[in-house]
PDB file of N, CA and C in Angstrom:
ATOM      1  N   MET A   1     -44.355   2.967   9.442  1.00  0.00           N
ATOM      2  CA  MET A   1     -42.915   3.077   9.550  1.00  0.00           C
ATOM      3  C   MET A   1     -42.505   3.256  11.002  1.00  0.00           C
ATOM      4  N   LYS A   2     -43.298   4.056  11.749  1.00  0.00           N
ATOM      5  CA  LYS A   2     -42.980   4.285  13.159  1.00  0.00           C
ATOM      6  C   LYS A   2     -43.079   2.990  13.949  1.00  0.00           C
ATOM      7  N   CYS A   3     -44.027   2.134  13.595  1.00  0.00           N
ATOM      8  CA  CYS A   3     -44.181   0.844  14.289  1.00  0.00           C
ATOM      9  C   CYS A   3     -42.959  -0.045  14.054  1.00  0.00           C
ATOM     10  N   PHE A   4     -42.452  -0.026  12.820  1.00  0.00           N
ATOM     11  CA  PHE A   4     -41.275  -0.828  12.491  1.00  0.00           C
ATOM     12  C   PHE A   4     -40.056  -0.371  13.287  1.00  0.00           C
ATOM     13  N   VAL A   5     -39.834   0.928  13.374  1.00  0.00           N
ATOM     14  CA  VAL A   5     -38.707   1.478  14.127  1.00  0.00           C
ATOM     15  C   VAL A   5     -38.850   1.143  15.601  1.00  0.00           C
ATOM     16  N   LEU A   6     -40.052   1.265  16.147  1.00  0.00           N
ATOM     17  CA  LEU A   6     -40.297   0.959  17.553  1.00  0.00           C
ATOM     18  C   LEU A   6     -40.057  -0.528  17.834  1.00  0.00           C
ATOM     19  N   ALA A   7     -40.532  -1.373  16.945  1.00  0.00           N
ATOM     20  CA  ALA A   7     -40.327  -2.819  17.121  1.00  0.00           C
ATOM     21  C   ALA A   7     -38.843  -3.159  17.051  1.00  0.00           C
ATOM     22  N   SER A   8     -38.127  -2.517  16.170  1.00  0.00           N
ATOM     23  CA  SER A   8     -36.675  -2.757  16.047  1.00  0.00           C
ATOM     24  C   SER A   8     -35.942  -2.346  17.311  1.00  0.00           C
ATOM     25  N   ILE A   9     -36.315  -1.214  17.872  1.00  0.00           N
ATOM     26  CA  ILE A   9     -35.672  -0.723  19.096  1.00  0.00           C
ATOM     27  C   ILE A   9     -35.975  -1.646  20.269  1.00  0.00           C
ATOM     28  N   LEU A  10     -37.189  -2.146  20.352  1.00  0.00           N
ATOM     29  CA  LEU A  10     -37.566  -3.042  21.451  1.00  0.00           C
ATOM     30  C   LEU A  10     -36.871  -4.397  21.353  1.00  0.00           C
ATOM     31  N   CYS A  11     -36.599  -4.859  20.150  1.00  0.00           N
ATOM     32  CA  CYS A  11     -35.948  -6.159  19.961  1.00  0.00           C
ATOM     33  C   CYS A  11     -34.432  -6.086  20.119  1.00  0.00           C
ATOM     34  N   LEU A  12     -33.851  -4.925  20.031  1.00  0.00           N
ATOM     35  CA  LEU A  12     -32.400  -4.761  20.113  1.00  0.00           C
ATOM     36  C   LEU A  12     -31.813  -5.293  21.410  1.00  0.00           C
ATOM     37  N   PRO A  13     -32.330  -4.968  22.581  1.00  0.00           N
ATOM     38  CA  PRO A  13     -31.741  -5.498  23.807  1.00  0.00           C
ATOM     39  C   PRO A  13     -31.837  -7.017  23.914  1.00  0.00           C
ATOM     40  N   ILE A  14     -32.879  -7.612  23.343  1.00  0.00           N
ATOM     41  CA  ILE A  14     -33.029  -9.067  23.390  1.00  0.00           C
ATOM     42  C   ILE A  14     -31.918  -9.718  22.573  1.00  0.00           C
ATOM     43  N   GLY A  15     -31.636  -9.192  21.397  1.00  0.00           N
ATOM     44  CA  GLY A  15     -30.581  -9.746  20.549  1.00  0.00           C
ATOM     45  C   GLY A  15     -29.206  -9.600  21.179  1.00  0.00           C
ATOM     46  N   LEU A  16     -28.941  -8.479  21.813  1.00  0.00           N
ATOM     47  CA  LEU A  16     -27.637  -8.264  22.439  1.00  0.00           C
ATOM     48  C   LEU A  16     -27.445  -9.154  23.659  1.00  0.00           C
ATOM     49  N   SER A  17     -28.506  -9.348  24.431  1.00  0.00           N
ATOM     50  CA  SER A  17     -28.362 -10.175  25.640  1.00  0.00           C
ATOM     51  C   SER A  17     -28.291 -11.654  25.308  1.00  0.00           C
ATOM     52  N   ALA A  18     -28.716 -12.070  24.120  1.00  0.00           N
ATOM     53  CA  ALA A  18     -28.712 -13.482  23.745  1.00  0.00           C
ATOM     54  C   ALA A  18     -27.346 -13.939  23.240  1.00  0.00           C
ATOM     55  N   GLN A  19     -26.435 -13.011  23.004  1.00  0.00           N
ATOM     56  CA  GLN A  19     -25.114 -13.389  22.506  1.00  0.00           C
ATOM     57  C   GLN A  19     -24.329 -14.108  23.588  1.00  0.00           C
ATOM     58  N   GLN A  20     -23.620 -15.143  23.178  1.00  0.00           N
ATOM     59  CA  GLN A  20     -22.788 -15.907  24.101  1.00  0.00           C
ATOM     60  C   GLN A  20     -21.332 -15.528  23.887  1.00  0.00           C
ATOM     61  N   SER A  21     -20.543 -15.764  24.910  1.00  0.00           N
ATOM     62  CA  SER A  21     -19.114 -15.496  24.741  1.00  0.00           C
ATOM     63  C   SER A  21     -18.514 -16.582  23.846  1.00  0.00           C
ATOM     64  N   ILE A  22     -17.525 -16.216  23.107  1.00  0.00           N
ATOM     65  CA  ILE A  22     -16.878 -17.139  22.178  1.00  0.00           C
ATOM     66  C   ILE A  22     -15.889 -17.997  22.952  1.00  0.00           C
ATOM     67  N   PRO A  23     -15.997 -19.344  22.845  1.00  0.00           N
ATOM     68  CA  PRO A  23     -15.071 -20.197  23.578  1.00  0.00           C
ATOM     69  C   PRO A  23     -13.663 -20.126  22.983  1.00  0.00           C
ATOM     70  N   GLN A  24     -12.681 -20.181  23.818  1.00  0.00           N
ATOM     71  CA  GLN A  24     -11.294 -20.203  23.382  1.00  0.00           C
ATOM     72  C   GLN A  24     -10.888 -21.642  23.096  1.00  0.00           C
ATOM     73  N   ILE A  25     -10.287 -21.873  21.953  1.00  0.00           N
ATOM     74  CA  ILE A  25      -9.813 -23.204  21.584  1.00  0.00           C
ATOM     75  C   ILE A  25      -8.307 -23.225  21.800  1.00  0.00           C
ATOM     76  N   PRO A  26      -7.837 -24.054  22.746  1.00  0.00           N
ATOM     77  CA  PRO A  26      -6.392 -24.090  22.983  1.00  0.00           C
ATOM     78  C   PRO A  26      -5.666 -24.709  21.786  1.00  0.00           C
ATOM     79  N   VAL A  27      -4.599 -24.061  21.371  1.00  0.00           N
ATOM     80  CA  VAL A  27      -3.823 -24.555  20.242  1.00  0.00           C
ATOM     81  C   VAL A  27      -2.348 -24.247  20.476  1.00  0.00           C
ATOM     82  N   HIS A  28      -1.505 -25.142  20.031  1.00  0.00           N
ATOM     83  CA  HIS A  28      -0.061 -24.933  20.101  1.00  0.00           C
ATOM     84  C   HIS A  28       0.469 -25.045  18.678  1.00  0.00           C
ATOM     85  N   ALA A  29       0.829 -23.938  18.096  1.00  0.00           N
ATOM     86  CA  ALA A  29       1.303 -23.918  16.717  1.00  0.00           C
ATOM     87  C   ALA A  29       2.825 -23.881  16.688  1.00  0.00           C
ATOM     88  N   THR A  30       3.383 -24.645  15.769  1.00  0.00           N
ATOM     89  CA  THR A  30       4.827 -24.674  15.583  1.00  0.00           C
ATOM     90  C   THR A  30       5.124 -24.360  14.123  1.00  0.00           C
ATOM     91  N   ALA A  31       5.835 -23.284  13.888  1.00  0.00           N
ATOM     92  CA  ALA A  31       6.208 -22.920  12.523  1.00  0.00           C
ATOM     93  C   ALA A  31       7.216 -23.933  11.993  1.00  0.00           C
ATOM     94  N   ASP A  32       7.061 -24.301  10.745  1.00  0.00           N
ATOM     95  CA  ASP A  32       7.971 -25.235  10.075  1.00  0.00           C
ATOM     96  C   ASP A  32       8.061 -26.580  10.787  1.00  0.00           C
ATOM     97  N   PHE A  33       6.944 -27.091  11.271  1.00  0.00           N
ATOM     98  CA  PHE A  33       6.934 -28.396  11.940  1.00  0.00           C
ATOM     99  C   PHE A  33       7.290 -29.523  10.974  1.00  0.00           C
ATOM    100  N   LEU A  34       6.721 -29.473   9.774  1.00  0.00           N
ATOM    101  CA  LEU A  34       7.008 -30.505   8.780  1.00  0.00           C
ATOM    102  C   LEU A  34       8.362 -30.234   8.135  1.00  0.00           C
ATOM    103  N   LYS A  35       9.209 -31.246   8.134  1.00  0.00           N
ATOM    104  CA  LYS A  35      10.558 -31.114   7.568  1.00  0.00           C
ATOM    105  C   LYS A  35      10.555 -31.726   6.169  1.00  0.00           C
ATOM    106  N   LEU A  36      10.558 -30.876   5.171  1.00  0.00           N
ATOM    107  CA  LEU A  36      10.505 -31.316   3.779  1.00  0.00           C
ATOM    108  C   LEU A  36      11.908 -31.508   3.216  1.00  0.00           C
ATOM    109  N   PRO A  37      12.082 -32.485   2.328  1.00  0.00           N
ATOM    110  CA  PRO A  37      13.378 -32.639   1.665  1.00  0.00           C
ATOM    111  C   PRO A  37      13.604 -31.489   0.688  1.00  0.00           C
ATOM    112  N   PRO A  38      14.847 -31.302   0.232  1.00  0.00           N
ATOM    113  CA  PRO A  38      15.121 -30.237  -0.739  1.00  0.00           C
ATOM    114  C   PRO A  38      14.275 -30.424  -2.002  1.00  0.00           C
ATOM    115  N   ASN A  39      13.878 -29.344  -2.604  1.00  0.00           N
ATOM    116  CA  ASN A  39      13.105 -29.320  -3.850  1.00  0.00           C
ATOM    117  C   ASN A  39      11.696 -29.893  -3.722  1.00  0.00           C
ATOM    118  N   LEU A  40      11.161 -29.967  -2.503  1.00  0.00           N
ATOM    119  CA  LEU A  40       9.775 -30.378  -2.299  1.00  0.00           C
ATOM    120  C   LEU A  40       9.094 -29.280  -1.507  1.00  0.00           C
ATOM    121  N   TYR A  41       7.967 -28.805  -2.006  1.00  0.00           N
ATOM    122  CA  TYR A  41       7.301 -27.654  -1.406  1.00  0.00           C
ATOM    123  C   TYR A  41       5.836 -27.969  -1.153  1.00  0.00           C
ATOM    124  N   LEU A  42       5.311 -27.443  -0.059  1.00  0.00           N
ATOM    125  CA  LEU A  42       3.885 -27.552   0.201  1.00  0.00           C
ATOM    126  C   LEU A  42       3.175 -26.415  -0.507  1.00  0.00           C
ATOM    127  N   GLY A  43       2.063 -26.750  -1.097  1.00  0.00           N
ATOM    128  CA  GLY A  43       1.206 -25.733  -1.695  1.00  0.00           C
ATOM    129  C   GLY A  43      -0.061 -25.651  -0.874  1.00  0.00           C
ATOM    130  N   GLU A  44      -1.178 -25.552  -1.538  1.00  0.00           N
ATOM    131  CA  GLU A  44      -2.477 -25.571  -0.871  1.00  0.00           C
ATOM    132  C   GLU A  44      -2.680 -26.963  -0.291  1.00  0.00           C
ATOM    133  N   VAL A  45      -2.949 -27.049   0.988  1.00  0.00           N
ATOM    134  CA  VAL A  45      -3.174 -28.344   1.637  1.00  0.00           C
ATOM    135  C   VAL A  45      -4.669 -28.634   1.606  1.00  0.00           C
ATOM    136  N   ALA A  46      -5.039 -29.703   0.886  1.00  0.00           N
ATOM    137  CA  ALA A  46      -6.444 -30.064   0.736  1.00  0.00           C
ATOM    138  C   ALA A  46      -6.916 -30.996   1.840  1.00  0.00           C
ATOM    139  N   GLY A  47      -6.001 -31.722   2.480  1.00  0.00           N
ATOM    140  CA  GLY A  47      -6.408 -32.643   3.526  1.00  0.00           C
ATOM    141  C   GLY A  47      -5.239 -33.070   4.390  1.00  0.00           C
ATOM    142  N   VAL A  48      -5.554 -33.352   5.659  1.00  0.00           N
ATOM    143  CA  VAL A  48      -4.565 -33.840   6.619  1.00  0.00           C
ATOM    144  C   VAL A  48      -5.221 -34.946   7.430  1.00  0.00           C
ATOM    145  N   ALA A  49      -4.476 -36.028   7.678  1.00  0.00           N
ATOM    146  CA  ALA A  49      -4.971 -37.117   8.522  1.00  0.00           C
ATOM    147  C   ALA A  49      -3.816 -37.636   9.358  1.00  0.00           C
ATOM    148  N   ILE A  50      -4.132 -38.195  10.521  1.00  0.00           N
ATOM    149  CA  ILE A  50      -3.125 -38.776  11.410  1.00  0.00           C
ATOM    150  C   ILE A  50      -3.559 -40.189  11.737  1.00  0.00           C
ATOM    151  N   ASN A  51      -2.639 -41.163  11.600  1.00  0.00           N
ATOM    152  CA  ASN A  51      -2.989 -42.542  11.925  1.00  0.00           C
ATOM    153  C   ASN A  51      -2.670 -42.855  13.382  1.00  0.00           C
ATOM    154  N   SER A  52      -2.905 -44.091  13.792  1.00  0.00           N
ATOM    155  CA  SER A  52      -2.723 -44.487  15.184  1.00  0.00           C
ATOM    156  C   SER A  52      -1.260 -44.453  15.622  1.00  0.00           C
ATOM    157  N   LYS A  53      -0.317 -44.472  14.691  1.00  0.00           N
ATOM    158  CA  LYS A  53       1.110 -44.385  15.017  1.00  0.00           C
ATOM    159  C   LYS A  53       1.580 -42.946  15.133  1.00  0.00           C
ATOM    160  N   GLY A  54       0.691 -41.995  14.830  1.00  0.00           N
ATOM    161  CA  GLY A  54       1.054 -40.591  14.873  1.00  0.00           C
ATOM    162  C   GLY A  54       1.621 -40.079  13.565  1.00  0.00           C
ATOM    163  N   HIS A  55       1.611 -40.922  12.520  1.00  0.00           N
ATOM    164  CA  HIS A  55       2.096 -40.471  11.223  1.00  0.00           C
ATOM    165  C   HIS A  55       1.095 -39.493  10.623  1.00  0.00           C
ATOM    166  N   ILE A  56       1.614 -38.464   9.980  1.00  0.00           N
ATOM    167  CA  ILE A  56       0.808 -37.388   9.422  1.00  0.00           C
ATOM    168  C   ILE A  56       0.788 -37.540   7.904  1.00  0.00           C
ATOM    169  N   PHE A  57      -0.414 -37.571   7.333  1.00  0.00           N
ATOM    170  CA  PHE A  57      -0.584 -37.659   5.885  1.00  0.00           C
ATOM    171  C   PHE A  57      -1.111 -36.319   5.399  1.00  0.00           C
ATOM    172  N   VAL A  58      -0.438 -35.749   4.405  1.00  0.00           N
ATOM    173  CA  VAL A  58      -0.799 -34.426   3.896  1.00  0.00           C
ATOM    174  C   VAL A  58      -1.051 -34.523   2.393  1.00  0.00           C
ATOM    175  N   LEU A  59      -2.252 -34.138   1.972  1.00  0.00           N
ATOM    176  CA  LEU A  59      -2.573 -34.047   0.555  1.00  0.00           C
ATOM    177  C   LEU A  59      -2.344 -32.599   0.149  1.00  0.00           C
ATOM    178  N   SER A  60      -1.331 -32.374  -0.664  1.00  0.00           N
ATOM    179  CA  SER A  60      -0.901 -31.018  -1.007  1.00  0.00           C
ATOM    180  C   SER A  60      -0.985 -30.787  -2.505  1.00  0.00           C
ATOM    181  N   ARG A  61      -1.362 -29.582  -2.863  1.00  0.00           N
ATOM    182  CA  ARG A  61      -1.356 -29.172  -4.268  1.00  0.00           C
ATOM    183  C   ARG A  61      -0.351 -28.025  -4.397  1.00  0.00           C
ATOM    184  N   GLY A  62       0.642 -28.208  -5.217  1.00  0.00           N
ATOM    185  CA  GLY A  62       1.536 -27.090  -5.416  1.00  0.00           C
ATOM    186  C   GLY A  62       2.993 -27.408  -5.553  1.00  0.00           C
ATOM    187  N   ASN A  63       3.378 -28.629  -5.861  1.00  0.00           N
ATOM    188  CA  ASN A  63       4.793 -28.939  -6.041  1.00  0.00           C
ATOM    189  C   ASN A  63       5.197 -28.722  -7.495  1.00  0.00           C
ATOM    190  N   THR A  64       4.723 -27.641  -8.069  1.00  0.00           N
ATOM    191  CA  THR A  64       5.079 -27.326  -9.451  1.00  0.00           C
ATOM    192  C   THR A  64       5.582 -25.894  -9.523  1.00  0.00           C
ATOM    193  N   VAL A  65       6.377 -25.630 -10.505  1.00  0.00           N
ATOM    194  CA  VAL A  65       6.862 -24.265 -10.705  1.00  0.00           C
ATOM    195  C   VAL A  65       6.076 -23.562 -11.803  1.00  0.00           C
ATOM    196  N   GLY A  66       5.284 -24.321 -12.548  1.00  0.00           N
ATOM    197  CA  GLY A  66       4.459 -23.755 -13.609  1.00  0.00           C
ATOM    198  C   GLY A  66       2.997 -23.971 -13.298  1.00  0.00           C
ATOM    199  N   PRO A  67       2.164 -24.051 -14.321  1.00  0.00           N
ATOM    200  CA  PRO A  67       0.740 -24.298 -14.110  1.00  0.00           C
ATOM    201  C   PRO A  67       0.506 -25.631 -13.398  1.00  0.00           C
ATOM    202  N   ALA A  68      -0.527 -25.688 -12.581  1.00  0.00           N
ATOM    203  CA  ALA A  68      -0.839 -26.896 -11.814  1.00  0.00           C
ATOM    204  C   ALA A  68      -1.649 -27.857 -12.677  1.00  0.00           C
ATOM    205  N   TYR A  69      -0.977 -28.768 -13.331  1.00  0.00           N
ATOM    206  CA  TYR A  69      -1.642 -29.735 -14.190  1.00  0.00           C
ATOM    207  C   TYR A  69      -1.596 -31.127 -13.581  1.00  0.00           C
ATOM    208  N   ALA A  70      -2.751 -31.736 -13.438  1.00  0.00           N
ATOM    209  CA  ALA A  70      -2.940 -33.152 -13.136  1.00  0.00           C
ATOM    210  C   ALA A  70      -1.966 -33.714 -12.111  1.00  0.00           C
ATOM    211  N   ALA A  71      -1.297 -34.804 -12.469  1.00  0.00           N
ATOM    212  CA  ALA A  71      -0.505 -35.562 -11.507  1.00  0.00           C
ATOM    213  C   ALA A  71       0.658 -34.773 -10.914  1.00  0.00           C
ATOM    214  N   ALA A  72       1.248 -33.885 -11.680  1.00  0.00           N
ATOM    215  CA  ALA A  72       2.386 -33.122 -11.170  1.00  0.00           C
ATOM    216  C   ALA A  72       1.964 -32.119 -10.103  1.00  0.00           C
ATOM    217  N   ALA A  73       0.707 -31.771 -10.061  1.00  0.00           N
ATOM    218  CA  ALA A  73       0.249 -30.708  -9.172  1.00  0.00           C
ATOM    219  C   ALA A  73      -0.092 -31.179  -7.768  1.00  0.00           C
ATOM    220  N   THR A  74      -0.357 -32.454  -7.568  1.00  0.00           N
ATOM    221  CA  THR A  74      -0.847 -32.943  -6.283  1.00  0.00           C
ATOM    222  C   THR A  74       0.006 -34.104  -5.810  1.00  0.00           C
ATOM    223  N   GLN A  75       0.283 -34.101  -4.500  1.00  0.00           N
ATOM    224  CA  GLN A  75       1.004 -35.236  -3.947  1.00  0.00           C
ATOM    225  C   GLN A  75       0.476 -35.564  -2.556  1.00  0.00           C
ATOM    226  N   LEU A  76       0.622 -36.833  -2.188  1.00  0.00           N
ATOM    227  CA  LEU A  76       0.274 -37.294  -0.852  1.00  0.00           C
ATOM    228  C   LEU A  76       1.589 -37.604  -0.138  1.00  0.00           C
ATOM    229  N   LEU A  77       1.846 -36.858   0.937  1.00  0.00           N
ATOM    230  CA  LEU A  77       3.105 -36.977   1.661  1.00  0.00           C
ATOM    231  C   LEU A  77       2.859 -37.590   3.030  1.00  0.00           C
ATOM    232  N   GLU A  78       3.809 -38.392   3.492  1.00  0.00           N
ATOM    233  CA  GLU A  78       3.727 -38.999   4.821  1.00  0.00           C
ATOM    234  C   GLU A  78       4.902 -38.509   5.661  1.00  0.00           C
ATOM    235  N   PHE A  79       4.597 -38.112   6.898  1.00  0.00           N
ATOM    236  CA  PHE A  79       5.591 -37.645   7.856  1.00  0.00           C
ATOM    237  C   PHE A  79       5.433 -38.459   9.140  1.00  0.00           C
ATOM    238  N   ASN A  80       6.529 -38.627   9.895  1.00  0.00           N
ATOM    239  CA  ASN A  80       6.378 -39.313  11.178  1.00  0.00           C
ATOM    240  C   ASN A  80       5.915 -38.321  12.231  1.00  0.00           C
ATOM    241  N   GLU A  81       5.765 -38.792  13.468  1.00  0.00           N
ATOM    242  CA  GLU A  81       5.168 -37.970  14.524  1.00  0.00           C
ATOM    243  C   GLU A  81       5.974 -36.727  14.878  1.00  0.00           C
ATOM    244  N   ASP A  82       7.256 -36.687  14.565  1.00  0.00           N
ATOM    245  CA  ASP A  82       8.034 -35.475  14.855  1.00  0.00           C
ATOM    246  C   ASP A  82       8.139 -34.549  13.634  1.00  0.00           C
ATOM    247  N   GLY A  83       7.411 -34.875  12.557  1.00  0.00           N
ATOM    248  CA  GLY A  83       7.381 -34.018  11.379  1.00  0.00           C
ATOM    249  C   GLY A  83       8.419 -34.343  10.331  1.00  0.00           C
ATOM    250  N   SER A  84       9.217 -35.388  10.541  1.00  0.00           N
ATOM    251  CA  SER A  84      10.228 -35.771   9.552  1.00  0.00           C
ATOM    252  C   SER A  84       9.570 -36.467   8.357  1.00  0.00           C
ATOM    253  N   TYR A  85      10.031 -36.107   7.176  1.00  0.00           N
ATOM    254  CA  TYR A  85       9.510 -36.671   5.931  1.00  0.00           C
ATOM    255  C   TYR A  85       9.817 -38.157   5.856  1.00  0.00           C
ATOM    256  N   ILE A  86       8.809 -38.957   5.482  1.00  0.00           N
ATOM    257  CA  ILE A  86       9.010 -40.393   5.277  1.00  0.00           C
ATOM    258  C   ILE A  86       9.003 -40.717   3.793  1.00  0.00           C
ATOM    259  N   ARG A  87       7.894 -40.327   3.110  1.00  0.00           N
ATOM    260  CA  ARG A  87       7.777 -40.688   1.692  1.00  0.00           C
ATOM    261  C   ARG A  87       6.642 -39.925   1.022  1.00  0.00           C
ATOM    262  N   GLU A  88       6.666 -39.999  -0.299  1.00  0.00           N
ATOM    263  CA  GLU A  88       5.535 -39.548  -1.097  1.00  0.00           C
ATOM    264  C   GLU A  88       4.824 -40.796  -1.584  1.00  0.00           C
ATOM    265  N   ILE A  89       3.533 -40.872  -1.372  1.00  0.00           N
ATOM    266  CA  ILE A  89       2.751 -42.037  -1.764  1.00  0.00           C
ATOM    267  C   ILE A  89       2.178 -41.790  -3.155  1.00  0.00           C
ATOM    268  N   GLY A  90       2.419 -42.721  -4.074  1.00  0.00           N
ATOM    269  CA  GLY A  90       1.863 -42.613  -5.423  1.00  0.00           C
ATOM    270  C   GLY A  90       2.405 -41.442  -6.205  1.00  0.00           C
ATOM    271  N   HIS A  91       3.703 -41.312  -6.298  1.00  0.00           N
ATOM    272  CA  HIS A  91       4.335 -40.197  -7.015  1.00  0.00           C
ATOM    273  C   HIS A  91       3.754 -40.067  -8.425  1.00  0.00           C
ATOM    274  N   ASN A  92       3.309 -38.856  -8.768  1.00  0.00           N
ATOM    275  CA  ASN A  92       2.719 -38.536 -10.073  1.00  0.00           C
ATOM    276  C   ASN A  92       1.510 -39.401 -10.431  1.00  0.00           C
ATOM    277  N   LEU A  93       0.766 -39.814  -9.417  1.00  0.00           N
ATOM    278  CA  LEU A  93      -0.453 -40.575  -9.661  1.00  0.00           C
ATOM    279  C   LEU A  93      -1.545 -39.620 -10.133  1.00  0.00           C
ATOM    280  N   TYR A  94      -2.075 -39.851 -11.305  1.00  0.00           N
ATOM    281  CA  TYR A  94      -3.039 -38.936 -11.916  1.00  0.00           C
ATOM    282  C   TYR A  94      -4.289 -38.758 -11.048  1.00  0.00           C
ATOM    283  N   ALA A  95      -4.708 -39.798 -10.344  1.00  0.00           N
ATOM    284  CA  ALA A  95      -5.929 -39.740  -9.529  1.00  0.00           C
ATOM    285  C   ALA A  95      -5.840 -38.694  -8.419  1.00  0.00           C
ATOM    286  N   TRP A  96      -4.638 -38.363  -7.953  1.00  0.00           N
ATOM    287  CA  TRP A  96      -4.504 -37.371  -6.875  1.00  0.00           C
ATOM    288  C   TRP A  96      -5.089 -36.029  -7.273  1.00  0.00           C
ATOM    289  N   SER A  97      -5.069 -35.713  -8.542  1.00  0.00           N
ATOM    290  CA  SER A  97      -5.575 -34.407  -8.965  1.00  0.00           C
ATOM    291  C   SER A  97      -7.081 -34.281  -8.735  1.00  0.00           C
ATOM    292  N   TYR A  98      -7.774 -35.394  -8.492  1.00  0.00           N
ATOM    293  CA  TYR A  98      -9.213 -35.376  -8.229  1.00  0.00           C
ATOM    294  C   TYR A  98      -9.545 -35.525  -6.749  1.00  0.00           C
ATOM    295  N   ALA A  99      -8.558 -35.757  -5.911  1.00  0.00           N
ATOM    296  CA  ALA A  99      -8.799 -35.974  -4.479  1.00  0.00           C
ATOM    297  C   ALA A  99      -9.103 -34.657  -3.766  1.00  0.00           C
ATOM    298  N   HIS A 100      -9.938 -34.742  -2.736  1.00  0.00           N
ATOM    299  CA  HIS A 100     -10.315 -33.565  -1.956  1.00  0.00           C
ATOM    300  C   HIS A 100     -10.032 -33.734  -0.478  1.00  0.00           C
ATOM    301  N   ALA A 101      -9.591 -34.922  -0.067  1.00  0.00           N
ATOM    302  CA  ALA A 101      -9.347 -35.198   1.346  1.00  0.00           C
ATOM    303  C   ALA A 101      -8.417 -36.391   1.450  1.00  0.00           C
ATOM    304  N   VAL A 102      -7.996 -36.680   2.668  1.00  0.00           N
ATOM    305  CA  VAL A 102      -7.198 -37.870   2.936  1.00  0.00           C
ATOM    306  C   VAL A 102      -7.748 -38.499   4.212  1.00  0.00           C
ATOM    307  N   LYS A 103      -7.797 -39.826   4.253  1.00  0.00           N
ATOM    308  CA  LYS A 103      -8.314 -40.550   5.413  1.00  0.00           C
ATOM    309  C   LYS A 103      -7.402 -41.738   5.700  1.00  0.00           C
ATOM    310  N   VAL A 104      -7.351 -42.144   6.949  1.00  0.00           N
ATOM    311  CA  VAL A 104      -6.688 -43.380   7.325  1.00  0.00           C
ATOM    312  C   VAL A 104      -7.676 -44.203   8.134  1.00  0.00           C
ATOM    313  N   ASP A 105      -7.600 -45.543   8.037  1.00  0.00           N
ATOM    314  CA  ASP A 105      -8.529 -46.379   8.791  1.00  0.00           C
ATOM    315  C   ASP A 105      -7.993 -46.635  10.200  1.00  0.00           C
ATOM    316  N   LYS A 106      -8.738 -47.390  11.010  1.00  0.00           N
ATOM    317  CA  LYS A 106      -8.352 -47.597  12.405  1.00  0.00           C
ATOM    318  C   LYS A 106      -7.065 -48.404  12.560  1.00  0.00           C
ATOM    319  N   THR A 107      -6.649 -49.122  11.515  1.00  0.00           N
ATOM    320  CA  THR A 107      -5.373 -49.841  11.584  1.00  0.00           C
ATOM    321  C   THR A 107      -4.217 -48.984  11.092  1.00  0.00           C
ATOM    322  N   GLY A 108      -4.516 -47.776  10.626  1.00  0.00           N
ATOM    323  CA  GLY A 108      -3.465 -46.860  10.200  1.00  0.00           C
ATOM    324  C   GLY A 108      -3.151 -46.900   8.730  1.00  0.00           C
ATOM    325  N   GLN A 109      -3.943 -47.623   7.955  1.00  0.00           N
ATOM    326  CA  GLN A 109      -3.703 -47.710   6.522  1.00  0.00           C
ATOM    327  C   GLN A 109      -4.343 -46.533   5.805  1.00  0.00           C
ATOM    328  N   TYR A 110      -3.665 -46.051   4.783  1.00  0.00           N
ATOM    329  CA  TYR A 110      -4.179 -44.953   3.981  1.00  0.00           C
ATOM    330  C   TYR A 110      -5.368 -45.447   3.171  1.00  0.00           C
ATOM    331  N   LEU A 111      -6.449 -44.660   3.158  1.00  0.00           N
ATOM    332  CA  LEU A 111      -7.651 -45.035   2.421  1.00  0.00           C
ATOM    333  C   LEU A 111      -7.889 -44.163   1.204  1.00  0.00           C
ATOM    334  N   GLY A 112      -7.247 -43.060   1.100  1.00  0.00           N
ATOM    335  CA  GLY A 112      -7.540 -42.148   0.012  1.00  0.00           C
ATOM    336  C   GLY A 112      -8.631 -41.198   0.426  1.00  0.00           C
ATOM    337  N   GLY A 113      -9.240 -40.584  -0.503  1.00  0.00           N
ATOM    338  CA  GLY A 113     -10.317 -39.669  -0.165  1.00  0.00           C
ATOM    339  C   GLY A 113     -10.803 -38.925  -1.377  1.00  0.00           C
ATOM    340  N   ARG A 114     -12.031 -38.487  -1.266  1.00  0.00           N
ATOM    341  CA  ARG A 114     -12.588 -37.704  -2.361  1.00  0.00           C
ATOM    342  C   ARG A 114     -13.658 -36.812  -1.859  1.00  0.00           C
TER     343      ARG A 114
END
């Protein structure tokens, strides 16, 4: 037991000196950047993608007032580069309830995601 305690004490300075400083990631956050139309709410955001035009695609779960069931629970929303709402893609599309991400290709077309 004494050997274990001694070994632990000897290894302690090595572990402390091996730690690196945590890099700072610059970020600029803007509250309420996305401008939603009346009666449309963001819930849990499962995925976000930006195309070459700067349009923002958001896969959101939570535009329901009751239980989150299938197509009513998930929507894919498109916003322009300043956060203004453009459209909902595939309104009440049942497949959205199985999506886990959103992707756009190099030409800016929506690809879906899973």
